[in-house]
Amino acid sequence: MKLGTMMIILLIFAWPLYYLYERQLGAVSFLLLAIFFLVISIKEYKKLRSQEEKDDEQ
């Protein structure tokens, strides 16, 4: 995922996450951020793995 896209997504969700934090639901906010970064890291890992497989074939 491109850095610009990731920053835009985080900026869009900043207000709702802060609202949850203000309502003493910071754990939910943290969980959503953790899931978001997990999805990004899985996508990046798959991309890296496919590049390595292509390099091994050559």
C-alpha atoms as a PDB file:
ATOM      1  CA  MET A   1       0.000   0.000   0.000  1.00  0.00           C
ATOM      2  CA  LYS A   2       1.342   3.402  -0.889  1.00  0.00           C
ATOM      3  CA  LEU A   3       2.353   5.725   1.904  1.00  0.00           C
ATOM      4  CA  GLY A   4       0.029   8.496   0.656  1.00  0.00           C
ATOM      5  CA  THR A   5      -2.981   6.180   0.639  1.00  0.00           C
ATOM      6  CA  MET A   6      -2.165   4.944   4.121  1.00  0.00           C
ATOM      7  CA  MET A   7      -1.864   8.510   5.449  1.00  0.00           C
ATOM      8  CA  ILE A   8      -5.192   9.519   3.894  1.00  0.00           C
ATOM      9  CA  ILE A   9      -6.934   6.531   5.481  1.00  0.00           C
ATOM     10  CA  LEU A  10      -5.431   7.355   8.875  1.00  0.00           C
ATOM     11  CA  LEU A  11      -6.476  11.002   8.578  1.00  0.00           C
ATOM     12  CA  ILE A  12     -10.033  10.037   7.649  1.00  0.00           C
ATOM     13  CA  PHE A  13     -10.337   7.709  10.629  1.00  0.00           C
ATOM     14  CA  ALA A  14      -8.541   9.995  13.102  1.00  0.00           C
ATOM     15  CA  TRP A  15     -11.692  11.744  14.332  1.00  0.00           C
ATOM     16  CA  PRO A  16     -13.785   8.602  14.971  1.00  0.00           C
ATOM     17  CA  LEU A  17     -10.843   6.940  16.725  1.00  0.00           C
ATOM     18  CA  TYR A  18     -10.293  10.001  18.886  1.00  0.00           C
ATOM     19  CA  TYR A  19     -14.008  10.057  19.702  1.00  0.00           C
ATOM     20  CA  LEU A  20     -13.777   6.461  20.928  1.00  0.00           C
ATOM     21  CA  TYR A  21     -10.719   7.404  22.966  1.00  0.00           C
ATOM     22  CA  GLU A  22     -12.585  10.314  24.603  1.00  0.00           C
ATOM     23  CA  ARG A  23     -15.453   7.983  25.558  1.00  0.00           C
ATOM     24  CA  GLN A  24     -13.040   5.735  27.462  1.00  0.00           C
ATOM     25  CA  LEU A  25     -13.088   3.183  24.644  1.00  0.00           C
ATOM     26  CA  GLY A  26      -9.406   3.524  23.816  1.00  0.00           C
ATOM     27  CA  ALA A  27      -9.016  -0.244  23.653  1.00  0.00           C
ATOM     28  CA  VAL A  28     -11.436  -0.405  20.722  1.00  0.00           C
ATOM     29  CA  SER A  29      -9.541   2.368  18.974  1.00  0.00           C
ATOM     30  CA  PHE A  30      -6.244   0.568  19.556  1.00  0.00           C
ATOM     31  CA  LEU A  31      -7.735  -2.713  18.292  1.00  0.00           C
ATOM     32  CA  LEU A  32      -8.923  -1.077  15.063  1.00  0.00           C
ATOM     33  CA  LEU A  33      -5.510   0.483  14.472  1.00  0.00           C
ATOM     34  CA  ALA A  34      -3.802  -2.847  15.165  1.00  0.00           C
ATOM     35  CA  ILE A  35      -6.064  -4.619  12.662  1.00  0.00           C
ATOM     36  CA  PHE A  36      -5.382  -1.910  10.066  1.00  0.00           C
ATOM     37  CA  PHE A  37      -1.612  -2.238  10.436  1.00  0.00           C
ATOM     38  CA  LEU A  38      -1.869  -6.042  10.432  1.00  0.00           C
ATOM     39  CA  VAL A  39      -3.684  -5.973   7.088  1.00  0.00           C
ATOM     40  CA  ILE A  40      -1.070  -3.604   5.651  1.00  0.00           C
ATOM     41  CA  SER A  41       1.801  -5.770   6.863  1.00  0.00           C
ATOM     42  CA  ILE A  42       0.217  -8.938   5.425  1.00  0.00           C
ATOM     43  CA  LYS A  43      -0.191  -7.241   2.033  1.00  0.00           C
ATOM     44  CA  GLU A  44       3.416  -6.052   2.073  1.00  0.00           C
ATOM     45  CA  TYR A  45       4.651  -9.509   3.088  1.00  0.00           C
ATOM     46  CA  LYS A  46       2.746 -11.156   0.239  1.00  0.00           C
ATOM     47  CA  LYS A  47       4.188  -8.624  -2.206  1.00  0.00           C
ATOM     48  CA  LEU A  48       7.725  -9.232  -0.932  1.00  0.00           C
ATOM     49  CA  ARG A  49       7.252 -12.994  -1.078  1.00  0.00           C
ATOM     50  CA  SER A  50       6.020 -12.898  -4.669  1.00  0.00           C
ATOM     51  CA  GLN A  51       9.034 -10.771  -5.660  1.00  0.00           C
ATOM     52  CA  GLU A  52      11.391 -13.283  -4.069  1.00  0.00           C
ATOM     53  CA  GLU A  53       9.705 -16.147  -5.919  1.00  0.00           C
ATOM     54  CA  LYS A  54      10.136 -14.295  -9.229  1.00  0.00           C
ATOM     55  CA  ASP A  55      13.810 -13.681  -8.447  1.00  0.00           C
ATOM     56  CA  ASP A  56      14.332 -17.359  -7.604  1.00  0.00           C
ATOM     57  CA  GLU A  57      12.818 -18.429 -10.917  1.00  0.00           C
ATOM     58  CA  GLN A  58      15.264 -16.262 -12.856  1.00  0.00           C
END
